[in-house]
Amino acid sequence: MKKGKRLKLLPFTILLSALSFTVYVPGILLMQNARNEISIQIQDIEKQIESLEEVNRELSAEVENLRNA
């Protein structure tokens, strides 16, 4: 009788395993995609900071030239 109950539960167990797999794997893929997107955004922000620092240096040099003129 125990063996019969196990066989009856087998389809449910397989279905539950498949369902958890279909939820788990896309979740991991979404997290990886989000990490990649955040990494790209961080790189863009770093480039903007470098650009602003360059503009700041140029403006500081120009202000210094105007003071000395």
C-alpha atoms as a PDB file:
ATOM      1  CA  MET A   1       0.000   0.000   0.000  1.00  0.00           C
ATOM      2  CA  LYS A   2       2.853   2.388   0.693  1.00  0.00           C
ATOM      3  CA  LYS A   3       4.245   1.749  -2.755  1.00  0.00           C
ATOM      4  CA  GLY A   4       0.907   2.640  -4.331  1.00  0.00           C
ATOM      5  CA  LYS A   5       0.760   5.941  -2.439  1.00  0.00           C
ATOM      6  CA  ARG A   6       4.263   6.792  -3.580  1.00  0.00           C
ATOM      7  CA  LEU A   7       3.327   6.134  -7.190  1.00  0.00           C
ATOM      8  CA  LYS A   8       0.240   8.331  -6.837  1.00  0.00           C
ATOM      9  CA  LEU A   9       2.366  11.162  -5.442  1.00  0.00           C
ATOM     10  CA  LEU A  10       5.028  10.826  -8.142  1.00  0.00           C
ATOM     11  CA  PRO A  11       3.240  12.931 -10.799  1.00  0.00           C
ATOM     12  CA  PHE A  12       2.573  15.627  -8.203  1.00  0.00           C
ATOM     13  CA  THR A  13       6.231  15.589  -7.139  1.00  0.00           C
ATOM     14  CA  ILE A  14       7.391  15.831 -10.752  1.00  0.00           C
ATOM     15  CA  LEU A  15       4.968  18.678 -11.421  1.00  0.00           C
ATOM     16  CA  LEU A  16       6.061  20.539  -8.299  1.00  0.00           C
ATOM     17  CA  SER A  17       9.725  20.100  -9.220  1.00  0.00           C
ATOM     18  CA  ALA A  18       9.120  21.359 -12.748  1.00  0.00           C
ATOM     19  CA  LEU A  19       7.124  24.313 -11.467  1.00  0.00           C
ATOM     20  CA  SER A  20       9.788  25.326  -8.967  1.00  0.00           C
ATOM     21  CA  PHE A  21      12.417  24.992 -11.714  1.00  0.00           C
ATOM     22  CA  THR A  22      10.431  27.222 -14.074  1.00  0.00           C
ATOM     23  CA  VAL A  23      10.188  29.879 -11.354  1.00  0.00           C
ATOM     24  CA  TYR A  24      13.761  29.563 -10.080  1.00  0.00           C
ATOM     25  CA  VAL A  25      15.672  29.674 -13.391  1.00  0.00           C
ATOM     26  CA  PRO A  26      13.968  32.788 -14.830  1.00  0.00           C
ATOM     27  CA  GLY A  27      14.479  34.466 -11.451  1.00  0.00           C
ATOM     28  CA  ILE A  28      18.202  33.818 -11.669  1.00  0.00           C
ATOM     29  CA  LEU A  29      18.292  35.067 -15.257  1.00  0.00           C
ATOM     30  CA  LEU A  30      16.425  38.231 -14.273  1.00  0.00           C
ATOM     31  CA  MET A  31      18.878  38.878 -11.445  1.00  0.00           C
ATOM     32  CA  GLN A  32      21.858  38.403 -13.768  1.00  0.00           C
ATOM     33  CA  ASN A  33      20.272  40.729 -16.320  1.00  0.00           C
ATOM     34  CA  ALA A  34      19.670  43.332 -13.615  1.00  0.00           C
ATOM     35  CA  ARG A  35      23.286  43.050 -12.436  1.00  0.00           C
ATOM     36  CA  ASN A  36      24.539  43.518 -15.997  1.00  0.00           C
ATOM     37  CA  GLU A  37      22.285  46.541 -16.478  1.00  0.00           C
ATOM     38  CA  ILE A  38      23.462  48.085 -13.210  1.00  0.00           C
ATOM     39  CA  SER A  39      27.079  47.456 -14.201  1.00  0.00           C
ATOM     40  CA  ILE A  40      26.512  49.221 -17.533  1.00  0.00           C
ATOM     41  CA  GLN A  41      24.865  52.158 -15.756  1.00  0.00           C
ATOM     42  CA  ILE A  42      27.782  52.400 -13.309  1.00  0.00           C
ATOM     43  CA  GLN A  43      30.234  52.478 -16.226  1.00  0.00           C
ATOM     44  CA  ASP A  44      28.196  55.242 -17.892  1.00  0.00           C
ATOM     45  CA  ILE A  45      28.160  57.265 -14.666  1.00  0.00           C
ATOM     46  CA  GLU A  46      31.926  56.814 -14.273  1.00  0.00           C
ATOM     47  CA  LYS A  47      32.432  58.127 -17.825  1.00  0.00           C
ATOM     48  CA  GLN A  48      30.214  61.119 -17.056  1.00  0.00           C
ATOM     49  CA  ILE A  49      32.206  61.820 -13.883  1.00  0.00           C
ATOM     50  CA  GLU A  50      35.478  61.702 -15.833  1.00  0.00           C
ATOM     51  CA  SER A  51      34.026  64.057 -18.425  1.00  0.00           C
ATOM     52  CA  LEU A  52      32.820  66.477 -15.746  1.00  0.00           C
ATOM     53  CA  GLU A  53      36.208  66.361 -14.021  1.00  0.00           C
ATOM     54  CA  GLU A  54      37.878  67.268 -17.329  1.00  0.00           C
ATOM     55  CA  VAL A  55      35.462  70.175 -17.849  1.00  0.00           C
ATOM     56  CA  ASN A  56      36.129  71.281 -14.266  1.00  0.00           C
ATOM     57  CA  ARG A  57      39.900  71.264 -14.880  1.00  0.00           C
ATOM     58  CA  GLU A  58      39.488  73.274 -18.078  1.00  0.00           C
ATOM     59  CA  LEU A  59      37.225  75.826 -16.407  1.00  0.00           C
ATOM     60  CA  SER A  60      39.546  76.111 -13.413  1.00  0.00           C
ATOM     61  CA  ALA A  61      42.483  76.771 -15.737  1.00  0.00           C
ATOM     62  CA  GLU A  62      40.468  79.387 -17.616  1.00  0.00           C
ATOM     63  CA  VAL A  63      39.452  81.110 -14.367  1.00  0.00           C
ATOM     64  CA  GLU A  64      43.091  81.127 -13.253  1.00  0.00           C
ATOM     65  CA  ASN A  65      44.132  82.669 -16.594  1.00  0.00           C
ATOM     66  CA  LEU A  66      41.473  85.366 -16.220  1.00  0.00           C
ATOM     67  CA  ARG A  67      42.671  86.148 -12.692  1.00  0.00           C
ATOM     68  CA  ASN A  68      46.253  86.495 -13.887  1.00  0.00           C
ATOM     69  CA  ALA A  69      45.322  88.689 -16.866  1.00  0.00           C
END
